[in-house]
């Protein structure tokens, strides 16, 4: 019969090295996760979030007024031109409006584009603007109708630009 292998006693050095290795792995993994989280964060959506929060009731009131007005918009994009069709609650085309479109990426504000939509003379209720989008993918288009230097209608549409 063979004798069992001698068991090494656990010393203070063994425990110290084990704890250093354990916490070293934890710190390394957390550091990688922190780097990835901070590197992929696209910044704050608003640099004045507190002031935006204070205006929340005004935003709700404006949304209620817009709902009562009954306007709606339909957006189309053919790769070069945005066309917006505006109608009121009786489905009559809306004419003579100042329509502004803000085209933005959902992940990065650096590519935002502002457009003034021109009313089409041959078809009532249609507003259009030519645009060259620098990137493929998802884009949000915020349509704002201005009346008396205030926004009287706002709607967000989404388009997907294929390569």
C-alpha atoms as a PDB file:
ATOM      1  CA  UNK A   1       0.000   0.000   0.000  1.00  0.00           C
ATOM      2  CA  UNK A   2       1.296   3.429  -0.911  1.00  0.00           C
ATOM      3  CA  UNK A   3       1.358   6.259   1.500  1.00  0.00           C
ATOM      4  CA  UNK A   4      -0.811   9.309   0.719  1.00  0.00           C
ATOM      5  CA  UNK A   5       0.852  12.358  -0.728  1.00  0.00           C
ATOM      6  CA  UNK A   6       1.820  14.823   1.944  1.00  0.00           C
ATOM      7  CA  UNK A   7      -0.742  17.619   2.330  1.00  0.00           C
ATOM      8  CA  UNK A   8       0.718  21.100   2.129  1.00  0.00           C
ATOM      9  CA  UNK A   9      -0.413  23.163   5.054  1.00  0.00           C
ATOM     10  CA  UNK A  10      -2.320  26.368   4.344  1.00  0.00           C
ATOM     11  CA  UNK A  11      -0.085  29.185   5.380  1.00  0.00           C
ATOM     12  CA  UNK A  12      -0.618  32.903   5.649  1.00  0.00           C
ATOM     13  CA  UNK A  13       1.169  33.401   2.316  1.00  0.00           C
ATOM     14  CA  UNK A  14      -1.187  30.967   0.578  1.00  0.00           C
ATOM     15  CA  UNK A  15      -4.241  32.811   1.896  1.00  0.00           C
ATOM     16  CA  UNK A  16      -2.734  36.191   0.953  1.00  0.00           C
ATOM     17  CA  UNK A  17      -1.982  35.079  -2.622  1.00  0.00           C
ATOM     18  CA  UNK A  18      -5.443  33.541  -2.964  1.00  0.00           C
ATOM     19  CA  UNK A  19      -7.157  36.739  -1.783  1.00  0.00           C
ATOM     20  CA  UNK A  20      -5.011  38.918  -4.047  1.00  0.00           C
ATOM     21  CA  UNK A  21      -5.833  36.664  -7.042  1.00  0.00           C
ATOM     22  CA  UNK A  22      -9.565  36.616  -6.186  1.00  0.00           C
ATOM     23  CA  UNK A  23      -9.908  40.380  -5.806  1.00  0.00           C
ATOM     24  CA  UNK A  24      -7.597  40.966  -8.776  1.00  0.00           C
ATOM     25  CA  UNK A  25      -9.963  39.011 -11.027  1.00  0.00           C
ATOM     26  CA  UNK A  26     -12.991  40.895  -9.621  1.00  0.00           C
ATOM     27  CA  UNK A  27     -11.318  44.281 -10.152  1.00  0.00           C
ATOM     28  CA  UNK A  28     -10.193  43.350 -13.686  1.00  0.00           C
ATOM     29  CA  UNK A  29     -13.672  42.196 -14.756  1.00  0.00           C
ATOM     30  CA  UNK A  30     -15.336  45.273 -13.217  1.00  0.00           C
ATOM     31  CA  UNK A  31     -12.810  47.536 -14.940  1.00  0.00           C
ATOM     32  CA  UNK A  32     -13.613  45.981 -18.324  1.00  0.00           C
ATOM     33  CA  UNK A  33     -17.366  46.377 -17.717  1.00  0.00           C
ATOM     34  CA  UNK A  34     -16.936  50.000 -16.615  1.00  0.00           C
ATOM     35  CA  UNK A  35     -14.857  50.812 -19.683  1.00  0.00           C
ATOM     36  CA  UNK A  36     -17.404  49.225 -22.027  1.00  0.00           C
ATOM     37  CA  UNK A  37     -20.339  50.945 -20.302  1.00  0.00           C
ATOM     38  CA  UNK A  38     -18.743  54.390 -20.392  1.00  0.00           C
ATOM     39  CA  UNK A  39     -17.429  53.967 -23.924  1.00  0.00           C
ATOM     40  CA  UNK A  40     -20.828  53.011 -25.388  1.00  0.00           C
ATOM     41  CA  UNK A  41     -22.920  55.646 -23.556  1.00  0.00           C
ATOM     42  CA  UNK A  42     -24.037  58.240 -26.170  1.00  0.00           C
ATOM     43  CA  UNK A  43     -24.096  61.131 -23.663  1.00  0.00           C
ATOM     44  CA  UNK A  44     -27.038  62.688 -21.947  1.00  0.00           C
ATOM     45  CA  UNK A  45     -30.230  63.201 -23.896  1.00  0.00           C
ATOM     46  CA  UNK A  46     -30.685  66.616 -22.328  1.00  0.00           C
ATOM     47  CA  UNK A  47     -28.099  68.837 -20.731  1.00  0.00           C
ATOM     48  CA  UNK A  48     -30.807  70.620 -18.754  1.00  0.00           C
ATOM     49  CA  UNK A  49     -32.877  67.714 -17.460  1.00  0.00           C
ATOM     50  CA  UNK A  50     -33.953  69.522 -14.276  1.00  0.00           C
ATOM     51  CA  UNK A  51     -35.390  72.475 -16.227  1.00  0.00           C
ATOM     52  CA  UNK A  52     -37.044  70.052 -18.668  1.00  0.00           C
ATOM     53  CA  UNK A  53     -38.660  68.277 -15.729  1.00  0.00           C
ATOM     54  CA  UNK A  54     -40.052  71.549 -14.419  1.00  0.00           C
ATOM     55  CA  UNK A  55     -41.652  72.204 -17.816  1.00  0.00           C
ATOM     56  CA  UNK A  56     -43.318  68.783 -17.868  1.00  0.00           C
ATOM     57  CA  UNK A  57     -46.811  70.113 -17.077  1.00  0.00           C
ATOM     58  CA  UNK A  58     -46.474  72.641 -19.904  1.00  0.00           C
ATOM     59  CA  UNK A  59     -45.530  69.777 -22.216  1.00  0.00           C
ATOM     60  CA  UNK A  60     -48.625  67.807 -21.147  1.00  0.00           C
ATOM     61  CA  UNK A  61     -50.859  70.856 -21.688  1.00  0.00           C
ATOM     62  CA  UNK A  62     -49.411  71.413 -25.170  1.00  0.00           C
ATOM     63  CA  UNK A  63     -50.015  67.753 -26.029  1.00  0.00           C
ATOM     64  CA  UNK A  64     -53.661  68.073 -24.931  1.00  0.00           C
ATOM     65  CA  UNK A  65     -54.157  71.209 -27.057  1.00  0.00           C
ATOM     66  CA  UNK A  66     -52.581  69.401 -30.026  1.00  0.00           C
ATOM     67  CA  UNK A  67     -54.897  66.421 -29.494  1.00  0.00           C
ATOM     68  CA  UNK A  68     -57.967  68.694 -29.442  1.00  0.00           C
ATOM     69  CA  UNK A  69     -56.819  70.386 -32.656  1.00  0.00           C
ATOM     70  CA  UNK A  70     -56.960  66.994 -34.374  1.00  0.00           C
ATOM     71  CA  UNK A  71     -54.173  67.533 -36.867  1.00  0.00           C
ATOM     72  CA  UNK A  72     -52.180  64.588 -38.161  1.00  0.00           C
ATOM     73  CA  UNK A  73     -49.192  64.090 -40.405  1.00  0.00           C
ATOM     74  CA  UNK A  74     -47.963  61.331 -42.674  1.00  0.00           C
ATOM     75  CA  UNK A  75     -44.314  61.199 -43.672  1.00  0.00           C
ATOM     76  CA  UNK A  76     -42.750  59.487 -46.671  1.00  0.00           C
ATOM     77  CA  UNK A  77     -39.087  59.304 -47.694  1.00  0.00           C
ATOM     78  CA  UNK A  78     -37.878  58.113 -51.097  1.00  0.00           C
ATOM     79  CA  UNK A  79     -34.162  58.274 -50.302  1.00  0.00           C
ATOM     80  CA  UNK A  80     -33.768  61.914 -51.374  1.00  0.00           C
ATOM     81  CA  UNK A  81     -36.930  63.789 -50.369  1.00  0.00           C
ATOM     82  CA  UNK A  82     -39.027  63.962 -47.230  1.00  0.00           C
ATOM     83  CA  UNK A  83     -42.736  64.583 -47.935  1.00  0.00           C
ATOM     84  CA  UNK A  84     -45.198  65.391 -45.182  1.00  0.00           C
ATOM     85  CA  UNK A  85     -48.948  65.359 -45.687  1.00  0.00           C
ATOM     86  CA  UNK A  86     -50.854  67.429 -43.107  1.00  0.00           C
ATOM     87  CA  UNK A  87     -54.616  67.135 -42.487  1.00  0.00           C
ATOM     88  CA  UNK A  88     -57.004  68.472 -39.865  1.00  0.00           C
ATOM     89  CA  UNK A  89     -59.639  66.496 -37.928  1.00  0.00           C
ATOM     90  CA  UNK A  90     -62.085  66.694 -40.865  1.00  0.00           C
ATOM     91  CA  UNK A  91     -59.318  65.208 -43.068  1.00  0.00           C
ATOM     92  CA  UNK A  92     -59.030  68.437 -45.060  1.00  0.00           C
ATOM     93  CA  UNK A  93     -55.481  69.255 -46.210  1.00  0.00           C
ATOM     94  CA  UNK A  94     -53.740  71.993 -44.221  1.00  0.00           C
ATOM     95  CA  UNK A  95     -52.217  74.795 -46.266  1.00  0.00           C
ATOM     96  CA  UNK A  96     -50.071  77.835 -45.562  1.00  0.00           C
ATOM     97  CA  UNK A  97     -48.156  76.352 -42.624  1.00  0.00           C
ATOM     98  CA  UNK A  98     -44.551  76.816 -41.586  1.00  0.00           C
ATOM     99  CA  UNK A  99     -43.257  73.258 -41.258  1.00  0.00           C
ATOM    100  CA  UNK A 100     -39.832  72.503 -39.797  1.00  0.00           C
ATOM    101  CA  UNK A 101     -38.337  69.014 -39.691  1.00  0.00           C
ATOM    102  CA  UNK A 102     -35.484  67.953 -37.436  1.00  0.00           C
ATOM    103  CA  UNK A 103     -33.840  64.768 -38.649  1.00  0.00           C
ATOM    104  CA  UNK A 104     -31.839  62.960 -35.979  1.00  0.00           C
ATOM    105  CA  UNK A 105     -30.227  59.654 -35.184  1.00  0.00           C
ATOM    106  CA  UNK A 106     -31.515  57.821 -32.104  1.00  0.00           C
ATOM    107  CA  UNK A 107     -27.987  57.167 -30.815  1.00  0.00           C
ATOM    108  CA  UNK A 108     -26.054  60.315 -31.672  1.00  0.00           C
ATOM    109  CA  UNK A 109     -27.013  63.986 -31.761  1.00  0.00           C
ATOM    110  CA  UNK A 110     -23.961  64.903 -33.863  1.00  0.00           C
ATOM    111  CA  UNK A 111     -25.732  64.073 -37.138  1.00  0.00           C
ATOM    112  CA  UNK A 112     -28.862  66.198 -36.544  1.00  0.00           C
ATOM    113  CA  UNK A 113     -30.212  68.070 -39.581  1.00  0.00           C
ATOM    114  CA  UNK A 114     -32.820  70.847 -39.535  1.00  0.00           C
ATOM    115  CA  UNK A 115     -34.980  71.351 -42.617  1.00  0.00           C
ATOM    116  CA  UNK A 116     -37.605  73.905 -43.576  1.00  0.00           C
ATOM    117  CA  UNK A 117     -40.287  72.038 -45.494  1.00  0.00           C
ATOM    118  CA  UNK A 118     -41.576  73.868 -48.568  1.00  0.00           C
ATOM    119  CA  UNK A 119     -45.274  73.780 -49.379  1.00  0.00           C
ATOM    120  CA  UNK A 120     -45.862  72.023 -52.684  1.00  0.00           C
ATOM    121  CA  UNK A 121     -47.788  74.223 -55.087  1.00  0.00           C
ATOM    122  CA  UNK A 122     -49.350  71.421 -57.130  1.00  0.00           C
ATOM    123  CA  UNK A 123     -50.786  69.335 -54.243  1.00  0.00           C
ATOM    124  CA  UNK A 124     -52.486  70.863 -51.207  1.00  0.00           C
ATOM    125  CA  UNK A 125     -51.422  69.737 -47.758  1.00  0.00           C
ATOM    126  CA  UNK A 126     -48.029  68.460 -48.900  1.00  0.00           C
ATOM    127  CA  UNK A 127     -44.719  69.877 -47.675  1.00  0.00           C
ATOM    128  CA  UNK A 128     -41.367  68.585 -48.888  1.00  0.00           C
ATOM    129  CA  UNK A 129     -37.632  69.046 -48.572  1.00  0.00           C
ATOM    130  CA  UNK A 130     -34.664  67.394 -50.261  1.00  0.00           C
ATOM    131  CA  UNK A 131     -32.050  65.895 -47.961  1.00  0.00           C
ATOM    132  CA  UNK A 132     -28.937  63.767 -48.194  1.00  0.00           C
ATOM    133  CA  UNK A 133     -28.600  61.622 -45.090  1.00  0.00           C
ATOM    134  CA  UNK A 134     -24.959  60.863 -44.244  1.00  0.00           C
ATOM    135  CA  UNK A 135     -25.583  57.439 -42.672  1.00  0.00           C
ATOM    136  CA  UNK A 136     -27.743  54.399 -43.299  1.00  0.00           C
ATOM    137  CA  UNK A 137     -29.979  53.039 -40.562  1.00  0.00           C
ATOM    138  CA  UNK A 138     -32.782  54.354 -38.361  1.00  0.00           C
ATOM    139  CA  UNK A 139     -33.609  58.071 -38.301  1.00  0.00           C
ATOM    140  CA  UNK A 140     -36.214  59.998 -36.312  1.00  0.00           C
ATOM    141  CA  UNK A 141     -37.916  62.967 -37.950  1.00  0.00           C
ATOM    142  CA  UNK A 142     -39.606  65.482 -35.653  1.00  0.00           C
ATOM    143  CA  UNK A 143     -42.186  67.558 -37.547  1.00  0.00           C
ATOM    144  CA  UNK A 144     -43.035  70.928 -35.984  1.00  0.00           C
ATOM    145  CA  UNK A 145     -45.636  73.357 -37.284  1.00  0.00           C
ATOM    146  CA  UNK A 146     -45.029  76.934 -36.186  1.00  0.00           C
ATOM    147  CA  UNK A 147     -47.814  79.486 -35.732  1.00  0.00           C
ATOM    148  CA  UNK A 148     -47.361  82.880 -34.043  1.00  0.00           C
ATOM    149  CA  UNK A 149     -43.764  82.011 -33.103  1.00  0.00           C
ATOM    150  CA  UNK A 150     -44.907  78.951 -31.147  1.00  0.00           C
ATOM    151  CA  UNK A 151     -45.109  75.259 -31.928  1.00  0.00           C
ATOM    152  CA  UNK A 152     -48.741  74.365 -32.607  1.00  0.00           C
ATOM    153  CA  UNK A 153     -48.144  70.798 -33.753  1.00  0.00           C
ATOM    154  CA  UNK A 154     -45.338  68.318 -33.136  1.00  0.00           C
ATOM    155  CA  UNK A 155     -45.056  64.708 -34.219  1.00  0.00           C
ATOM    156  CA  UNK A 156     -42.173  62.257 -34.419  1.00  0.00           C
ATOM    157  CA  UNK A 157     -41.872  59.850 -37.344  1.00  0.00           C
ATOM    158  CA  UNK A 158     -39.320  57.140 -37.972  1.00  0.00           C
ATOM    159  CA  UNK A 159     -37.673  56.032 -41.225  1.00  0.00           C
ATOM    160  CA  UNK A 160     -35.169  53.319 -42.009  1.00  0.00           C
ATOM    161  CA  UNK A 161     -32.527  54.198 -44.611  1.00  0.00           C
ATOM    162  CA  UNK A 162     -31.333  51.093 -46.405  1.00  0.00           C
ATOM    163  CA  UNK A 163     -27.803  50.868 -47.824  1.00  0.00           C
END
